[in-house]
Amino acid sequence: MRRVPQPPPRALQAVLWDFGGVITASPFEAFARYEQDNNLPAGFIRKLNATNPDRNAWARLERSEVSVDEFVVLFEAEAEAAGAKVDAAELLGLIRGEIRPEMVEAVRRCHDRLKTALLTNNFVVPGGEAQEGYQELLAHFDVVVESSSVGHRKPDPRFYEIALEALAVEPEEAVFLDDLGINLKPARALGMRTIKVVEPDRALRELEELVGFPLSDGD
């Protein structure tokens, strides 16, 4: 049987980044501390957010379908139905992880040579201030796609399509970094290359191999 030659992969044109857990430390670390401090089962909050993930309180908040006050009521009711009591307002205050300087530098270097986009599931707190360093970070992105603005959230494939269309690139020309496999799966299905960020240094080494230039002064 004659083997049909496969076309070479398209040259990389764009790097797409998640925010929480990639550019910042993972909020799940703070959730784990909350669970320990409040005698909750380990992983309770993550499991709660994975239950009915398209229509639960957290998903609706990140699509701006409910207010923060409405979210608090809904989320606490979901937790109680799952067998525990939580302070949803306190949990919202825990999701801001520290910004990782090495990631910011990598974003800056990518932006110098390639197209860049920020893809983040987020929510808006009326009168709330943006995380320190967030506005400065936005200068390194050609496109910013926020779930609270577009009405879609990861892992909805449409969320990724919005970013690709705004960048004017094909999926095969892009790589996406996220710390959650559930968010990477639809990106791969579209044809994007993906990097799961568990250890930031390792993820950046993988990205360097793809982009072909150093992402820090140590290289």
N, C-alpha and C. Protein backbone atom coordinates (compact mmCIF):
# COMPACT_ATOMS: atom_id res chain seq x y z
N MET A 1 0.84 -1.20 0.00
CA MET A 1 0.00 0.00 0.00
C MET A 1 0.88 1.25 0.00
N ARG A 2 0.62 2.11 -0.95
CA ARG A 2 1.42 3.32 -1.08
C ARG A 2 1.09 4.30 0.04
N ARG A 3 2.13 4.77 0.71
CA ARG A 3 1.94 5.71 1.81
C ARG A 3 1.81 7.13 1.26
N VAL A 4 0.75 7.80 1.67
CA VAL A 4 0.52 9.17 1.22
C VAL A 4 1.34 10.12 2.10
N PRO A 5 2.23 10.91 1.51
CA PRO A 5 3.04 11.83 2.32
C PRO A 5 2.18 12.87 3.03
N GLN A 6 2.52 13.14 4.26
CA GLN A 6 1.78 14.13 5.04
C GLN A 6 2.41 15.52 4.86
N PRO A 7 1.59 16.55 4.76
CA PRO A 7 2.16 17.89 4.62
C PRO A 7 2.90 18.30 5.88
N PRO A 8 3.95 19.08 5.77
CA PRO A 8 4.68 19.53 6.97
C PRO A 8 3.79 20.42 7.82
N PRO A 9 4.04 20.46 9.14
CA PRO A 9 3.23 21.33 9.99
C PRO A 9 3.41 22.79 9.61
N ARG A 10 2.35 23.54 9.77
CA ARG A 10 2.41 24.97 9.43
C ARG A 10 3.32 25.70 10.41
N ALA A 11 3.96 26.72 9.92
CA ALA A 11 4.83 27.53 10.78
C ALA A 11 4.00 28.20 11.86
N LEU A 12 4.57 28.25 13.05
CA LEU A 12 3.87 28.85 14.18
C LEU A 12 3.77 30.37 13.98
N GLN A 13 2.56 30.89 14.13
CA GLN A 13 2.31 32.31 13.97
C GLN A 13 1.83 33.00 15.24
N ALA A 14 1.29 32.21 16.20
CA ALA A 14 0.66 32.83 17.36
C ALA A 14 0.80 31.95 18.60
N VAL A 15 0.92 32.61 19.75
CA VAL A 15 0.95 31.94 21.05
C VAL A 15 -0.22 32.47 21.88
N LEU A 16 -1.05 31.55 22.35
CA LEU A 16 -2.24 31.89 23.13
C LEU A 16 -2.05 31.42 24.56
N TRP A 17 -2.36 32.28 25.51
CA TRP A 17 -2.06 32.04 26.92
C TRP A 17 -3.31 32.08 27.78
N ASP A 18 -3.42 31.12 28.70
CA ASP A 18 -4.37 31.22 29.80
C ASP A 18 -3.77 32.19 30.84
N PHE A 19 -4.60 32.67 31.75
CA PHE A 19 -4.11 33.59 32.78
C PHE A 19 -3.90 32.86 34.12
N GLY A 20 -4.99 32.53 34.83
CA GLY A 20 -4.85 31.88 36.12
C GLY A 20 -4.29 30.48 36.00
N GLY A 21 -3.20 30.21 36.70
CA GLY A 21 -2.55 28.91 36.65
C GLY A 21 -1.46 28.81 35.61
N VAL A 22 -1.35 29.84 34.76
CA VAL A 22 -0.27 29.89 33.76
C VAL A 22 0.57 31.13 34.00
N ILE A 23 0.00 32.30 33.76
CA ILE A 23 0.73 33.54 34.02
C ILE A 23 0.75 33.84 35.52
N THR A 24 -0.25 33.35 36.24
CA THR A 24 -0.25 33.47 37.69
C THR A 24 -0.22 32.08 38.32
N ALA A 25 0.09 32.03 39.61
CA ALA A 25 0.01 30.78 40.34
C ALA A 25 -1.44 30.29 40.33
N SER A 26 -1.62 28.99 40.41
CA SER A 26 -2.95 28.40 40.31
C SER A 26 -3.84 28.77 41.49
N PRO A 27 -5.09 29.18 41.22
CA PRO A 27 -6.02 29.44 42.33
C PRO A 27 -6.38 28.18 43.08
N PHE A 28 -6.15 27.01 42.48
CA PHE A 28 -6.48 25.76 43.16
C PHE A 28 -5.63 25.57 44.41
N GLU A 29 -4.45 26.18 44.45
CA GLU A 29 -3.63 26.12 45.64
C GLU A 29 -4.33 26.81 46.81
N ALA A 30 -4.94 27.96 46.52
CA ALA A 30 -5.68 28.69 47.56
C ALA A 30 -6.94 27.93 47.95
N PHE A 31 -7.60 27.31 46.98
CA PHE A 31 -8.79 26.52 47.29
C PHE A 31 -8.45 25.35 48.22
N ALA A 32 -7.30 24.72 47.97
CA ALA A 32 -6.88 23.60 48.81
C ALA A 32 -6.65 24.05 50.25
N ARG A 33 -6.06 25.24 50.41
CA ARG A 33 -5.86 25.76 51.76
C ARG A 33 -7.20 26.06 52.43
N TYR A 34 -8.14 26.60 51.66
CA TYR A 34 -9.47 26.90 52.20
C TYR A 34 -10.15 25.61 52.67
N GLU A 35 -10.04 24.57 51.86
CA GLU A 35 -10.64 23.28 52.23
C GLU A 35 -10.03 22.75 53.52
N GLN A 36 -8.73 22.85 53.63
CA GLN A 36 -8.05 22.35 54.83
C GLN A 36 -8.45 23.16 56.05
N ASP A 37 -8.52 24.48 55.90
CA ASP A 37 -8.84 25.36 57.02
C ASP A 37 -10.30 25.20 57.47
N ASN A 38 -11.16 24.74 56.56
CA ASN A 38 -12.59 24.66 56.88
C ASN A 38 -13.11 23.22 56.94
N ASN A 39 -12.17 22.28 57.08
CA ASN A 39 -12.52 20.87 57.26
C ASN A 39 -13.40 20.34 56.14
N LEU A 40 -13.08 20.75 54.92
CA LEU A 40 -13.79 20.25 53.74
C LEU A 40 -12.98 19.11 53.11
N PRO A 41 -13.64 18.19 52.42
CA PRO A 41 -12.90 17.13 51.73
C PRO A 41 -11.93 17.73 50.71
N ALA A 42 -10.77 17.15 50.58
CA ALA A 42 -9.80 17.63 49.59
C ALA A 42 -10.41 17.54 48.19
N GLY A 43 -10.27 18.64 47.42
CA GLY A 43 -10.80 18.67 46.07
C GLY A 43 -12.28 18.99 45.98
N PHE A 44 -12.91 19.33 47.10
CA PHE A 44 -14.36 19.58 47.11
C PHE A 44 -14.74 20.70 46.15
N ILE A 45 -13.99 21.81 46.16
CA ILE A 45 -14.36 22.97 45.35
C ILE A 45 -14.17 22.66 43.86
N ARG A 46 -13.08 21.99 43.51
CA ARG A 46 -12.86 21.63 42.11
C ARG A 46 -13.95 20.67 41.63
N LYS A 47 -14.32 19.72 42.48
CA LYS A 47 -15.37 18.78 42.11
C LYS A 47 -16.69 19.50 41.92
N LEU A 48 -16.96 20.48 42.77
CA LEU A 48 -18.20 21.25 42.66
C LEU A 48 -18.24 22.01 41.34
N ASN A 49 -17.09 22.58 40.95
CA ASN A 49 -17.03 23.34 39.70
C ASN A 49 -17.08 22.44 38.47
N ALA A 50 -16.75 21.16 38.65
CA ALA A 50 -16.79 20.22 37.54
C ALA A 50 -18.17 19.58 37.37
N THR A 51 -19.07 19.82 38.32
CA THR A 51 -20.42 19.28 38.25
C THR A 51 -21.30 20.23 37.43
N ASN A 52 -21.93 19.70 36.39
CA ASN A 52 -22.74 20.53 35.49
C ASN A 52 -21.95 21.75 35.05
N PRO A 53 -20.77 21.56 34.43
CA PRO A 53 -19.83 22.65 34.21
C PRO A 53 -20.30 23.75 33.26
N ASP A 54 -21.30 23.48 32.46
CA ASP A 54 -21.79 24.53 31.55
C ASP A 54 -22.84 25.42 32.17
N ARG A 55 -23.52 24.92 33.22
CA ARG A 55 -24.64 25.68 33.76
C ARG A 55 -24.52 25.94 35.26
N ASN A 56 -23.41 25.54 35.88
CA ASN A 56 -23.32 25.79 37.33
C ASN A 56 -23.07 27.27 37.61
N ALA A 57 -23.06 27.62 38.88
CA ALA A 57 -22.96 29.03 39.26
C ALA A 57 -21.68 29.67 38.75
N TRP A 58 -20.56 28.94 38.83
CA TRP A 58 -19.28 29.52 38.42
C TRP A 58 -19.28 29.80 36.92
N ALA A 59 -19.79 28.86 36.13
CA ALA A 59 -19.84 29.05 34.68
C ALA A 59 -20.71 30.25 34.32
N ARG A 60 -21.83 30.38 34.99
CA ARG A 60 -22.76 31.49 34.70
C ARG A 60 -22.15 32.83 35.10
N LEU A 61 -21.39 32.86 36.19
CA LEU A 61 -20.71 34.10 36.59
C LEU A 61 -19.69 34.50 35.55
N GLU A 62 -18.91 33.54 35.05
CA GLU A 62 -17.85 33.85 34.09
C GLU A 62 -18.39 34.23 32.71
N ARG A 63 -19.67 33.96 32.45
CA ARG A 63 -20.30 34.43 31.21
C ARG A 63 -21.13 35.68 31.45
N SER A 64 -21.04 36.24 32.65
CA SER A 64 -21.79 37.45 33.04
C SER A 64 -23.30 37.25 32.97
N GLU A 65 -23.74 36.02 33.23
CA GLU A 65 -25.16 35.74 33.22
C GLU A 65 -25.80 36.00 34.59
N VAL A 66 -24.99 36.03 35.64
CA VAL A 66 -25.48 36.36 36.98
C VAL A 66 -24.53 37.36 37.60
N SER A 67 -25.05 38.13 38.56
CA SER A 67 -24.21 39.07 39.29
C SER A 67 -23.40 38.34 40.35
N VAL A 68 -22.46 39.04 40.95
CA VAL A 68 -21.68 38.44 42.02
C VAL A 68 -22.58 38.03 43.19
N ASP A 69 -23.52 38.90 43.55
CA ASP A 69 -24.43 38.57 44.65
C ASP A 69 -25.27 37.34 44.33
N GLU A 70 -25.74 37.25 43.08
CA GLU A 70 -26.52 36.07 42.69
C GLU A 70 -25.65 34.82 42.70
N PHE A 71 -24.40 34.98 42.26
CA PHE A 71 -23.47 33.85 42.29
C PHE A 71 -23.29 33.31 43.69
N VAL A 72 -23.10 34.20 44.65
CA VAL A 72 -22.87 33.78 46.03
C VAL A 72 -24.02 32.88 46.51
N VAL A 73 -25.24 33.30 46.25
CA VAL A 73 -26.41 32.52 46.67
C VAL A 73 -26.43 31.16 45.96
N LEU A 74 -26.21 31.18 44.65
CA LEU A 74 -26.28 29.95 43.86
C LEU A 74 -25.17 28.98 44.23
N PHE A 75 -23.94 29.50 44.38
CA PHE A 75 -22.81 28.63 44.66
C PHE A 75 -22.92 28.01 46.04
N GLU A 76 -23.34 28.79 47.02
CA GLU A 76 -23.48 28.25 48.36
C GLU A 76 -24.58 27.20 48.40
N ALA A 77 -25.63 27.38 47.58
CA ALA A 77 -26.69 26.37 47.51
C ALA A 77 -26.16 25.09 46.87
N GLU A 78 -25.31 25.22 45.84
CA GLU A 78 -24.72 24.04 45.22
C GLU A 78 -23.83 23.29 46.20
N ALA A 79 -23.06 24.04 46.97
CA ALA A 79 -22.18 23.41 47.96
C ALA A 79 -22.99 22.69 49.03
N GLU A 80 -24.07 23.32 49.49
CA GLU A 80 -24.90 22.70 50.53
C GLU A 80 -25.54 21.42 50.00
N ALA A 81 -25.97 21.45 48.72
CA ALA A 81 -26.56 20.26 48.12
C ALA A 81 -25.53 19.14 48.01
N ALA A 82 -24.25 19.52 47.91
CA ALA A 82 -23.18 18.53 47.83
C ALA A 82 -22.68 18.10 49.20
N GLY A 83 -23.27 18.69 50.25
CA GLY A 83 -22.95 18.21 51.60
C GLY A 83 -22.04 19.07 52.43
N ALA A 84 -21.83 20.34 52.05
CA ALA A 84 -20.92 21.19 52.83
C ALA A 84 -21.35 22.65 52.72
N LYS A 85 -20.86 23.44 53.67
CA LYS A 85 -21.12 24.88 53.64
C LYS A 85 -19.83 25.61 53.30
N VAL A 86 -19.94 26.59 52.39
CA VAL A 86 -18.79 27.40 52.02
C VAL A 86 -19.19 28.87 52.03
N ASP A 87 -18.19 29.72 52.12
CA ASP A 87 -18.38 31.16 52.01
C ASP A 87 -17.95 31.55 50.60
N ALA A 88 -18.92 31.68 49.70
CA ALA A 88 -18.61 31.91 48.28
C ALA A 88 -17.91 33.24 48.07
N ALA A 89 -18.28 34.25 48.82
CA ALA A 89 -17.63 35.55 48.68
C ALA A 89 -16.15 35.45 49.06
N GLU A 90 -15.85 34.70 50.11
CA GLU A 90 -14.45 34.52 50.51
C GLU A 90 -13.68 33.77 49.43
N LEU A 91 -14.31 32.77 48.83
CA LEU A 91 -13.65 32.01 47.76
C LEU A 91 -13.28 32.90 46.58
N LEU A 92 -14.16 33.81 46.22
CA LEU A 92 -13.87 34.71 45.10
C LEU A 92 -12.63 35.54 45.38
N GLY A 93 -12.41 35.86 46.63
CA GLY A 93 -11.24 36.65 46.99
C GLY A 93 -9.95 35.87 46.98
N LEU A 94 -10.03 34.55 46.78
CA LEU A 94 -8.83 33.72 46.83
C LEU A 94 -8.24 33.40 45.46
N ILE A 95 -8.91 33.81 44.40
CA ILE A 95 -8.50 33.29 43.09
C ILE A 95 -7.35 34.07 42.46
N ARG A 96 -6.93 35.16 43.06
CA ARG A 96 -5.86 35.96 42.47
C ARG A 96 -4.49 35.41 42.89
N GLY A 97 -3.92 34.58 42.06
CA GLY A 97 -2.59 34.07 42.34
C GLY A 97 -1.53 35.10 41.99
N GLU A 98 -0.34 34.93 42.55
CA GLU A 98 0.77 35.83 42.26
C GLU A 98 1.19 35.71 40.79
N ILE A 99 1.44 36.85 40.16
CA ILE A 99 1.90 36.85 38.78
C ILE A 99 3.33 36.30 38.72
N ARG A 100 3.58 35.42 37.75
CA ARG A 100 4.89 34.80 37.58
C ARG A 100 5.73 35.64 36.63
N PRO A 101 6.79 36.28 37.14
CA PRO A 101 7.60 37.17 36.28
C PRO A 101 8.18 36.46 35.07
N GLU A 102 8.57 35.19 35.22
CA GLU A 102 9.17 34.48 34.10
C GLU A 102 8.17 34.27 32.96
N MET A 103 6.90 34.15 33.31
CA MET A 103 5.87 34.01 32.30
C MET A 103 5.62 35.34 31.59
N VAL A 104 5.62 36.41 32.36
CA VAL A 104 5.44 37.73 31.75
C VAL A 104 6.56 38.03 30.76
N GLU A 105 7.79 37.68 31.13
CA GLU A 105 8.92 37.88 30.23
C GLU A 105 8.76 37.03 28.96
N ALA A 106 8.29 35.81 29.12
CA ALA A 106 8.08 34.95 27.96
C ALA A 106 7.00 35.51 27.05
N VAL A 107 5.93 36.02 27.63
CA VAL A 107 4.88 36.66 26.83
C VAL A 107 5.45 37.84 26.06
N ARG A 108 6.26 38.66 26.74
CA ARG A 108 6.83 39.84 26.09
C ARG A 108 7.69 39.44 24.90
N ARG A 109 8.51 38.42 25.08
CA ARG A 109 9.40 37.99 23.99
C ARG A 109 8.61 37.39 22.83
N CYS A 110 7.57 36.65 23.16
CA CYS A 110 6.72 36.11 22.09
C CYS A 110 6.03 37.24 21.32
N HIS A 111 5.59 38.25 22.06
CA HIS A 111 4.90 39.37 21.41
C HIS A 111 5.82 40.14 20.47
N ASP A 112 7.12 40.11 20.75
CA ASP A 112 8.07 40.80 19.88
C ASP A 112 8.17 40.15 18.50
N ARG A 113 7.87 38.84 18.40
CA ARG A 113 8.10 38.11 17.16
C ARG A 113 6.86 37.44 16.58
N LEU A 114 5.86 37.20 17.43
CA LEU A 114 4.68 36.46 17.01
C LEU A 114 3.42 37.20 17.46
N LYS A 115 2.29 36.73 17.00
CA LYS A 115 1.02 37.24 17.50
C LYS A 115 0.74 36.58 18.86
N THR A 116 0.11 37.32 19.75
CA THR A 116 -0.18 36.79 21.08
C THR A 116 -1.62 37.10 21.47
N ALA A 117 -2.19 36.19 22.27
CA ALA A 117 -3.56 36.39 22.76
C ALA A 117 -3.67 35.87 24.18
N LEU A 118 -4.51 36.52 24.97
CA LEU A 118 -4.83 36.09 26.32
C LEU A 118 -6.25 35.53 26.30
N LEU A 119 -6.42 34.29 26.74
CA LEU A 119 -7.73 33.64 26.79
C LEU A 119 -8.04 33.32 28.24
N THR A 120 -8.98 34.04 28.84
CA THR A 120 -9.21 33.88 30.27
C THR A 120 -10.69 33.78 30.61
N ASN A 121 -11.03 32.78 31.42
CA ASN A 121 -12.34 32.72 32.05
C ASN A 121 -12.29 33.65 33.25
N ASN A 122 -13.10 34.69 33.23
CA ASN A 122 -13.03 35.66 34.32
C ASN A 122 -14.42 36.19 34.64
N PHE A 123 -14.49 37.06 35.62
CA PHE A 123 -15.75 37.69 35.98
C PHE A 123 -15.46 39.11 36.43
N VAL A 124 -16.49 39.93 36.42
CA VAL A 124 -16.33 41.35 36.75
C VAL A 124 -16.99 41.62 38.09
N VAL A 125 -16.24 42.22 38.99
CA VAL A 125 -16.78 42.66 40.27
C VAL A 125 -17.05 44.16 40.17
N PRO A 126 -18.32 44.60 40.28
CA PRO A 126 -18.61 46.02 40.17
C PRO A 126 -17.78 46.84 41.15
N GLY A 127 -17.05 47.81 40.61
CA GLY A 127 -16.23 48.66 41.45
C GLY A 127 -14.93 48.03 41.88
N GLY A 128 -14.69 46.80 41.47
CA GLY A 128 -13.47 46.11 41.86
C GLY A 128 -12.28 46.56 41.02
N GLU A 129 -11.11 46.47 41.60
CA GLU A 129 -9.89 46.85 40.90
C GLU A 129 -9.26 45.64 40.23
N ALA A 130 -8.67 45.87 39.06
CA ALA A 130 -7.96 44.79 38.38
C ALA A 130 -6.75 44.37 39.20
N GLN A 131 -6.37 43.10 39.05
CA GLN A 131 -5.20 42.60 39.77
C GLN A 131 -3.97 43.42 39.43
N GLU A 132 -3.14 43.69 40.43
CA GLU A 132 -1.93 44.46 40.22
C GLU A 132 -1.07 43.81 39.14
N GLY A 133 -0.67 44.61 38.16
CA GLY A 133 0.14 44.11 37.06
C GLY A 133 -0.66 43.65 35.86
N TYR A 134 -1.99 43.50 36.02
CA TYR A 134 -2.81 42.97 34.93
C TYR A 134 -2.87 43.93 33.75
N GLN A 135 -3.12 45.21 34.02
CA GLN A 135 -3.23 46.18 32.93
C GLN A 135 -1.92 46.31 32.16
N GLU A 136 -0.79 46.30 32.88
CA GLU A 136 0.51 46.37 32.21
C GLU A 136 0.74 45.14 31.34
N LEU A 137 0.28 44.00 31.81
CA LEU A 137 0.44 42.75 31.07
C LEU A 137 -0.30 42.80 29.74
N LEU A 138 -1.45 43.44 29.72
CA LEU A 138 -2.28 43.46 28.51
C LEU A 138 -1.57 44.10 27.32
N ALA A 139 -0.57 44.93 27.58
CA ALA A 139 0.16 45.57 26.49
C ALA A 139 0.93 44.56 25.64
N HIS A 140 1.16 43.37 26.18
CA HIS A 140 1.92 42.34 25.46
C HIS A 140 1.04 41.40 24.65
N PHE A 141 -0.26 41.70 24.58
CA PHE A 141 -1.18 40.84 23.82
C PHE A 141 -1.82 41.62 22.68
N ASP A 142 -1.87 40.99 21.53
CA ASP A 142 -2.58 41.58 20.39
C ASP A 142 -4.09 41.45 20.57
N VAL A 143 -4.51 40.40 21.23
CA VAL A 143 -5.93 40.10 21.40
C VAL A 143 -6.16 39.62 22.83
N VAL A 144 -7.23 40.09 23.46
CA VAL A 144 -7.63 39.63 24.78
C VAL A 144 -9.07 39.13 24.69
N VAL A 145 -9.29 37.86 25.04
CA VAL A 145 -10.62 37.28 25.01
C VAL A 145 -11.00 36.91 26.44
N GLU A 146 -12.00 37.59 26.98
CA GLU A 146 -12.44 37.37 28.35
C GLU A 146 -13.85 36.80 28.32
N SER A 147 -14.07 35.73 29.07
CA SER A 147 -15.39 35.10 29.07
C SER A 147 -16.48 36.07 29.50
N SER A 148 -16.17 36.96 30.42
CA SER A 148 -17.16 37.90 30.92
C SER A 148 -17.62 38.88 29.85
N SER A 149 -16.82 39.03 28.77
CA SER A 149 -17.15 39.97 27.70
C SER A 149 -17.80 39.29 26.50
N VAL A 150 -17.33 38.08 26.17
CA VAL A 150 -17.80 37.44 24.93
C VAL A 150 -18.95 36.47 25.14
N GLY A 151 -19.29 36.13 26.39
CA GLY A 151 -20.42 35.25 26.64
C GLY A 151 -20.15 33.79 26.38
N HIS A 152 -18.89 33.43 26.19
CA HIS A 152 -18.46 32.04 26.06
C HIS A 152 -17.28 31.85 27.02
N ARG A 153 -17.03 30.60 27.40
CA ARG A 153 -15.92 30.31 28.30
C ARG A 153 -15.29 28.98 27.90
N LYS A 154 -14.00 28.87 28.23
CA LYS A 154 -13.35 27.58 28.03
C LYS A 154 -14.06 26.52 28.89
N PRO A 155 -14.30 25.32 28.35
CA PRO A 155 -13.77 24.74 27.12
C PRO A 155 -14.70 24.81 25.90
N ASP A 156 -15.61 25.76 25.85
CA ASP A 156 -16.46 25.93 24.68
C ASP A 156 -15.58 26.21 23.45
N PRO A 157 -15.65 25.40 22.39
CA PRO A 157 -14.79 25.63 21.21
C PRO A 157 -14.94 27.03 20.62
N ARG A 158 -16.12 27.61 20.76
CA ARG A 158 -16.33 28.94 20.19
C ARG A 158 -15.40 29.97 20.81
N PHE A 159 -15.05 29.77 22.08
CA PHE A 159 -14.15 30.69 22.77
C PHE A 159 -12.80 30.77 22.05
N TYR A 160 -12.28 29.60 21.64
CA TYR A 160 -10.99 29.55 20.95
C TYR A 160 -11.11 30.12 19.53
N GLU A 161 -12.24 29.82 18.90
CA GLU A 161 -12.45 30.32 17.54
C GLU A 161 -12.47 31.85 17.50
N ILE A 162 -13.05 32.45 18.53
CA ILE A 162 -13.08 33.92 18.60
C ILE A 162 -11.65 34.47 18.62
N ALA A 163 -10.78 33.83 19.40
CA ALA A 163 -9.39 34.29 19.49
C ALA A 163 -8.67 34.11 18.16
N LEU A 164 -8.83 32.95 17.54
CA LEU A 164 -8.16 32.68 16.26
C LEU A 164 -8.63 33.64 15.18
N GLU A 165 -9.92 33.90 15.14
CA GLU A 165 -10.45 34.84 14.14
C GLU A 165 -9.89 36.24 14.36
N ALA A 166 -9.81 36.66 15.61
CA ALA A 166 -9.29 38.00 15.91
C ALA A 166 -7.81 38.12 15.54
N LEU A 167 -7.07 37.02 15.71
CA LEU A 167 -5.64 37.00 15.36
C LEU A 167 -5.42 36.80 13.86
N ALA A 168 -6.44 36.34 13.16
CA ALA A 168 -6.34 36.03 11.73
C ALA A 168 -5.31 34.94 11.48
N VAL A 169 -5.39 33.86 12.27
CA VAL A 169 -4.51 32.70 12.08
C VAL A 169 -5.35 31.44 12.05
N GLU A 170 -4.81 30.40 11.43
CA GLU A 170 -5.45 29.10 11.43
C GLU A 170 -5.06 28.36 12.71
N PRO A 171 -5.90 27.41 13.16
CA PRO A 171 -5.56 26.66 14.38
C PRO A 171 -4.19 26.01 14.32
N GLU A 172 -3.81 25.50 13.14
CA GLU A 172 -2.53 24.81 12.98
C GLU A 172 -1.34 25.76 13.11
N GLU A 173 -1.60 27.06 13.12
CA GLU A 173 -0.53 28.05 13.23
C GLU A 173 -0.38 28.58 14.65
N ALA A 174 -1.10 27.96 15.61
CA ALA A 174 -1.14 28.50 16.97
C ALA A 174 -0.81 27.43 18.00
N VAL A 175 -0.27 27.87 19.13
CA VAL A 175 -0.07 27.01 20.28
C VAL A 175 -0.78 27.66 21.46
N PHE A 176 -1.39 26.83 22.32
CA PHE A 176 -2.15 27.32 23.46
C PHE A 176 -1.62 26.71 24.74
N LEU A 177 -1.39 27.55 25.75
CA LEU A 177 -0.91 27.10 27.06
C LEU A 177 -2.02 27.25 28.10
N ASP A 178 -2.29 26.17 28.82
CA ASP A 178 -3.30 26.19 29.88
C ASP A 178 -2.88 25.17 30.93
N ASP A 179 -3.36 25.36 32.16
CA ASP A 179 -3.00 24.41 33.22
C ASP A 179 -4.02 23.29 33.38
N LEU A 180 -5.12 23.33 32.62
CA LEU A 180 -6.17 22.34 32.75
C LEU A 180 -6.34 21.55 31.45
N GLY A 181 -6.28 20.23 31.58
CA GLY A 181 -6.43 19.39 30.40
C GLY A 181 -7.77 19.56 29.73
N ILE A 182 -8.83 19.80 30.51
CA ILE A 182 -10.16 19.96 29.94
C ILE A 182 -10.23 21.17 29.00
N ASN A 183 -9.38 22.17 29.25
CA ASN A 183 -9.35 23.35 28.39
C ASN A 183 -8.45 23.16 27.17
N LEU A 184 -7.50 22.24 27.27
CA LEU A 184 -6.59 21.98 26.16
C LEU A 184 -7.22 21.05 25.12
N LYS A 185 -8.09 20.17 25.55
CA LYS A 185 -8.66 19.17 24.65
C LYS A 185 -9.36 19.79 23.44
N PRO A 186 -10.27 20.77 23.61
CA PRO A 186 -10.92 21.35 22.45
C PRO A 186 -9.96 22.13 21.56
N ALA A 187 -8.92 22.71 22.15
CA ALA A 187 -7.92 23.42 21.34
C ALA A 187 -7.22 22.43 20.41
N ARG A 188 -6.85 21.26 20.95
CA ARG A 188 -6.22 20.23 20.11
C ARG A 188 -7.17 19.74 19.04
N ALA A 189 -8.45 19.59 19.40
CA ALA A 189 -9.44 19.12 18.43
C ALA A 189 -9.59 20.09 17.26
N LEU A 190 -9.38 21.36 17.52
CA LEU A 190 -9.44 22.37 16.45
C LEU A 190 -8.19 22.32 15.57
N GLY A 191 -7.11 21.74 16.08
CA GLY A 191 -5.86 21.66 15.32
C GLY A 191 -4.71 22.44 15.91
N MET A 192 -4.93 23.05 17.08
CA MET A 192 -3.87 23.83 17.72
C MET A 192 -2.89 22.91 18.43
N ARG A 193 -1.64 23.33 18.53
CA ARG A 193 -0.69 22.68 19.41
C ARG A 193 -0.95 23.16 20.83
N THR A 194 -0.69 22.30 21.80
CA THR A 194 -1.02 22.65 23.18
C THR A 194 0.13 22.31 24.12
N ILE A 195 0.21 23.06 25.22
CA ILE A 195 1.17 22.81 26.29
C ILE A 195 0.43 22.90 27.62
N LYS A 196 0.49 21.81 28.40
CA LYS A 196 -0.12 21.84 29.73
C LYS A 196 0.90 22.38 30.72
N VAL A 197 0.50 23.41 31.45
CA VAL A 197 1.40 24.06 32.39
C VAL A 197 1.19 23.46 33.78
N VAL A 198 2.09 22.58 34.15
CA VAL A 198 2.12 22.03 35.50
C VAL A 198 3.31 22.63 36.24
N GLU A 199 4.50 22.45 35.64
CA GLU A 199 5.71 23.10 36.13
C GLU A 199 6.06 24.21 35.12
N PRO A 200 6.00 25.48 35.54
CA PRO A 200 6.22 26.59 34.60
C PRO A 200 7.52 26.48 33.82
N ASP A 201 8.62 26.11 34.47
CA ASP A 201 9.91 26.02 33.77
C ASP A 201 9.86 24.99 32.65
N ARG A 202 9.26 23.87 32.92
CA ARG A 202 9.16 22.82 31.90
C ARG A 202 8.28 23.28 30.74
N ALA A 203 7.17 23.95 31.06
CA ALA A 203 6.28 24.44 30.01
C ALA A 203 6.99 25.44 29.11
N LEU A 204 7.80 26.30 29.70
CA LEU A 204 8.52 27.29 28.91
C LEU A 204 9.59 26.64 28.04
N ARG A 205 10.19 25.57 28.52
CA ARG A 205 11.14 24.84 27.67
C ARG A 205 10.43 24.23 26.47
N GLU A 206 9.25 23.68 26.69
CA GLU A 206 8.48 23.13 25.58
C GLU A 206 8.12 24.23 24.59
N LEU A 207 7.75 25.39 25.11
CA LEU A 207 7.39 26.49 24.23
C LEU A 207 8.59 26.98 23.44
N GLU A 208 9.76 27.04 24.08
CA GLU A 208 10.98 27.45 23.38
C GLU A 208 11.27 26.54 22.19
N GLU A 209 11.03 25.25 22.37
CA GLU A 209 11.27 24.32 21.27
C GLU A 209 10.36 24.61 20.08
N LEU A 210 9.17 25.07 20.37
CA LEU A 210 8.23 25.36 19.30
C LEU A 210 8.52 26.69 18.61
N VAL A 211 8.80 27.73 19.42
CA VAL A 211 8.98 29.05 18.82
C VAL A 211 10.37 29.23 18.23
N GLY A 212 11.38 28.52 18.77
CA GLY A 212 12.72 28.58 18.21
C GLY A 212 13.55 29.76 18.63
N PHE A 213 13.17 30.42 19.75
CA PHE A 213 14.01 31.50 20.28
C PHE A 213 13.90 31.49 21.80
N PRO A 214 14.92 32.07 22.50
CA PRO A 214 14.92 32.02 23.97
C PRO A 214 13.83 32.87 24.57
N LEU A 215 13.33 32.40 25.70
CA LEU A 215 12.24 33.10 26.39
C LEU A 215 12.67 33.68 27.73
N SER A 216 13.98 33.60 28.02
CA SER A 216 14.51 34.20 29.24
C SER A 216 15.98 34.54 29.03
N ASP A 217 16.53 35.36 29.92
CA ASP A 217 17.93 35.74 29.81
C ASP A 217 18.86 34.59 30.10
N GLY A 218 18.36 33.54 30.75
CA GLY A 218 19.21 32.41 31.08
C GLY A 218 19.48 31.49 29.93
N ASP A 219 18.85 31.74 28.78
CA ASP A 219 19.03 30.84 27.64
C ASP A 219 20.09 31.34 26.68
